[in-house]
Amino acid sequence: MHNNACACSLLAARRILPDAPRYRLSTLAAHCGLIVQGSWHRALADAEATAQLWLYMEERLQLQYGLIETPFSLMDALTRLQRRQVPAWLRTQATRQQSGLFHFQENG
């Protein structure tokens, strides 16, 4: 059985990178200083850029909020929040992780 979980990188970027000028993949990559090989709107280049962006966003959350880990389930939950809720929610998640009281489960 396959999980086939998915989350929207656009929604994640809007919450994690509120200072981005726009949310097109090429604009986000430039904003984050990512180096992308290939041509935009080609499957491989866009997939690699999206993967780099996702990892960048995870690292930014860890540095900015002190999260110990950023599992997919946390990132998915983040995309479902209203933008104004994000900072407080992330601070709560970081506090829980640091105290060892709570860890997101990948399948739950």
C-alpha atoms as a PDB file:
ATOM      1  CA  MET A   1       0.000   0.000   0.000  1.00  0.00           C
ATOM      2  CA  HIS A   2       1.325   3.438  -0.952  1.00  0.00           C
ATOM      3  CA  ASN A   3       0.755   6.538   1.127  1.00  0.00           C
ATOM      4  CA  ASN A   4       1.092   9.022  -1.777  1.00  0.00           C
ATOM      5  CA  ALA A   5       1.105  11.948   0.646  1.00  0.00           C
ATOM      6  CA  CYS A   6       1.448  15.351  -0.937  1.00  0.00           C
ATOM      7  CA  ALA A   7       1.703  18.952   0.177  1.00  0.00           C
ATOM      8  CA  CYS A   8       1.671  22.195  -1.738  1.00  0.00           C
ATOM      9  CA  SER A   9       5.082  23.849  -2.020  1.00  0.00           C
ATOM     10  CA  LEU A  10       3.359  27.121  -2.995  1.00  0.00           C
ATOM     11  CA  LEU A  11       1.326  27.193   0.227  1.00  0.00           C
ATOM     12  CA  ALA A  12       4.423  26.251   2.244  1.00  0.00           C
ATOM     13  CA  ALA A  13       6.442  29.033   0.616  1.00  0.00           C
ATOM     14  CA  ARG A  14       3.736  31.603   1.309  1.00  0.00           C
ATOM     15  CA  ARG A  15       3.915  30.734   4.996  1.00  0.00           C
ATOM     16  CA  ILE A  16       7.666  30.229   5.397  1.00  0.00           C
ATOM     17  CA  LEU A  17       8.897  32.948   3.027  1.00  0.00           C
ATOM     18  CA  PRO A  18       6.494  35.855   3.574  1.00  0.00           C
ATOM     19  CA  ASP A  19       9.215  38.270   2.436  1.00  0.00           C
ATOM     20  CA  ALA A  20       9.432  36.774  -1.074  1.00  0.00           C
ATOM     21  CA  PRO A  21       8.553  39.277  -3.801  1.00  0.00           C
ATOM     22  CA  ARG A  22       6.464  36.700  -5.713  1.00  0.00           C
ATOM     23  CA  TYR A  23       5.812  32.987  -5.465  1.00  0.00           C
ATOM     24  CA  ARG A  24       6.777  31.713  -8.906  1.00  0.00           C
ATOM     25  CA  LEU A  25       9.308  28.913  -8.626  1.00  0.00           C
ATOM     26  CA  SER A  26      12.000  30.857 -10.488  1.00  0.00           C
ATOM     27  CA  THR A  27      11.466  33.928  -8.289  1.00  0.00           C
ATOM     28  CA  LEU A  28      11.577  31.856  -5.104  1.00  0.00           C
ATOM     29  CA  ALA A  29      14.761  30.096  -6.222  1.00  0.00           C
ATOM     30  CA  ALA A  30      16.457  33.431  -6.896  1.00  0.00           C
ATOM     31  CA  HIS A  31      15.147  34.896  -3.624  1.00  0.00           C
ATOM     32  CA  CYS A  32      16.604  31.949  -1.688  1.00  0.00           C
ATOM     33  CA  GLY A  33      19.898  31.972  -3.589  1.00  0.00           C
ATOM     34  CA  LEU A  34      19.362  28.524  -5.078  1.00  0.00           C
ATOM     35  CA  ILE A  35      21.342  27.426  -8.134  1.00  0.00           C
ATOM     36  CA  VAL A  36      19.113  25.671 -10.631  1.00  0.00           C
ATOM     37  CA  GLN A  37      20.435  23.641 -13.545  1.00  0.00           C
ATOM     38  CA  GLY A  38      18.418  23.361 -16.734  1.00  0.00           C
ATOM     39  CA  SER A  39      15.530  25.344 -18.169  1.00  0.00           C
ATOM     40  CA  TRP A  40      12.454  26.473 -16.280  1.00  0.00           C
ATOM     41  CA  HIS A  41       9.239  24.640 -17.073  1.00  0.00           C
ATOM     42  CA  ARG A  42      11.144  21.459 -17.904  1.00  0.00           C
ATOM     43  CA  ALA A  43      10.196  18.570 -15.644  1.00  0.00           C
ATOM     44  CA  LEU A  44      13.656  17.727 -14.305  1.00  0.00           C
ATOM     45  CA  ALA A  45      14.738  21.324 -13.658  1.00  0.00           C
ATOM     46  CA  ASP A  46      11.445  22.201 -11.957  1.00  0.00           C
ATOM     47  CA  ALA A  47      11.526  19.032  -9.832  1.00  0.00           C
ATOM     48  CA  GLU A  48      15.108  19.701  -8.726  1.00  0.00           C
ATOM     49  CA  ALA A  49      14.329  23.346  -7.964  1.00  0.00           C
ATOM     50  CA  THR A  50      11.270  22.353  -5.948  1.00  0.00           C
ATOM     51  CA  ALA A  51      13.330  19.825  -3.964  1.00  0.00           C
ATOM     52  CA  GLN A  52      16.029  22.429  -3.272  1.00  0.00           C
ATOM     53  CA  LEU A  53      13.379  24.954  -2.234  1.00  0.00           C
ATOM     54  CA  TRP A  54      11.694  22.442   0.091  1.00  0.00           C
ATOM     55  CA  LEU A  55      15.013  21.657   1.804  1.00  0.00           C
ATOM     56  CA  TYR A  56      15.773  25.378   2.068  1.00  0.00           C
ATOM     57  CA  MET A  57      12.395  25.998   3.724  1.00  0.00           C
ATOM     58  CA  GLU A  58      12.952  23.144   6.188  1.00  0.00           C
ATOM     59  CA  GLU A  59      16.354  24.557   7.136  1.00  0.00           C
ATOM     60  CA  ARG A  60      14.932  28.047   7.508  1.00  0.00           C
ATOM     61  CA  LEU A  61      12.273  26.764   9.907  1.00  0.00           C
ATOM     62  CA  GLN A  62      14.912  24.970  11.947  1.00  0.00           C
ATOM     63  CA  LEU A  63      17.102  28.067  12.166  1.00  0.00           C
ATOM     64  CA  GLN A  64      14.337  30.622  12.640  1.00  0.00           C
ATOM     65  CA  TYR A  65      12.183  28.724  15.134  1.00  0.00           C
ATOM     66  CA  GLY A  66      14.589  26.217  16.671  1.00  0.00           C
ATOM     67  CA  LEU A  67      12.780  23.182  15.331  1.00  0.00           C
ATOM     68  CA  ILE A  68      14.778  19.994  15.818  1.00  0.00           C
ATOM     69  CA  GLU A  69      13.148  18.243  12.894  1.00  0.00           C
ATOM     70  CA  THR A  70      10.783  19.187  10.095  1.00  0.00           C
ATOM     71  CA  PRO A  71       8.993  15.998   9.061  1.00  0.00           C
ATOM     72  CA  PHE A  72       6.640  15.997   6.116  1.00  0.00           C
ATOM     73  CA  SER A  73       3.628  15.864   8.441  1.00  0.00           C
ATOM     74  CA  LEU A  74       4.695  19.143  10.067  1.00  0.00           C
ATOM     75  CA  MET A  75       5.186  20.796   6.682  1.00  0.00           C
ATOM     76  CA  ASP A  76       1.805  19.505   5.510  1.00  0.00           C
ATOM     77  CA  ALA A  77       0.073  20.787   8.665  1.00  0.00           C
ATOM     78  CA  LEU A  78       1.773  24.145   8.176  1.00  0.00           C
ATOM     79  CA  THR A  79       0.240  24.544   4.714  1.00  0.00           C
ATOM     80  CA  ARG A  80      -3.247  24.165   6.192  1.00  0.00           C
ATOM     81  CA  LEU A  81      -2.865  27.101   8.583  1.00  0.00           C
ATOM     82  CA  GLN A  82      -3.808  30.680   7.905  1.00  0.00           C
ATOM     83  CA  ARG A  83      -0.701  32.802   7.421  1.00  0.00           C
ATOM     84  CA  ARG A  84      -1.253  34.823  10.580  1.00  0.00           C
ATOM     85  CA  GLN A  85      -1.342  31.630  12.680  1.00  0.00           C
ATOM     86  CA  VAL A  86       2.019  30.318  11.462  1.00  0.00           C
ATOM     87  CA  PRO A  87       4.579  32.052  13.742  1.00  0.00           C
ATOM     88  CA  ALA A  88       2.828  31.145  17.008  1.00  0.00           C
ATOM     89  CA  TRP A  89       2.125  27.601  15.823  1.00  0.00           C
ATOM     90  CA  LEU A  90       5.767  27.079  14.839  1.00  0.00           C
ATOM     91  CA  ARG A  91       6.995  28.434  18.188  1.00  0.00           C
ATOM     92  CA  THR A  92       4.689  25.951  19.922  1.00  0.00           C
ATOM     93  CA  GLN A  93       5.975  23.069  17.776  1.00  0.00           C
ATOM     94  CA  ALA A  94       9.586  24.046  18.520  1.00  0.00           C
ATOM     95  CA  THR A  95       8.912  24.202  22.266  1.00  0.00           C
ATOM     96  CA  ARG A  96       7.289  20.764  22.161  1.00  0.00           C
ATOM     97  CA  GLN A  97      10.176  19.293  20.177  1.00  0.00           C
ATOM     98  CA  GLN A  98      12.798  20.819  22.449  1.00  0.00           C
ATOM     99  CA  SER A  99      11.061  19.517  25.567  1.00  0.00           C
ATOM    100  CA  GLY A 100      10.666  16.055  24.045  1.00  0.00           C
ATOM    101  CA  LEU A 101       6.910  16.130  24.593  1.00  0.00           C
ATOM    102  CA  PHE A 102       5.827  15.868  21.011  1.00  0.00           C
ATOM    103  CA  HIS A 103       7.054  14.627  17.658  1.00  0.00           C
ATOM    104  CA  PHE A 104       5.050  14.559  14.463  1.00  0.00           C
ATOM    105  CA  GLN A 105       4.485  11.054  13.189  1.00  0.00           C
ATOM    106  CA  GLU A 106       4.909  10.525   9.475  1.00  0.00           C
ATOM    107  CA  ASN A 107       1.827   8.299   9.219  1.00  0.00           C
ATOM    108  CA  GLY A 108      -0.566   9.989  11.545  1.00  0.00           C
END
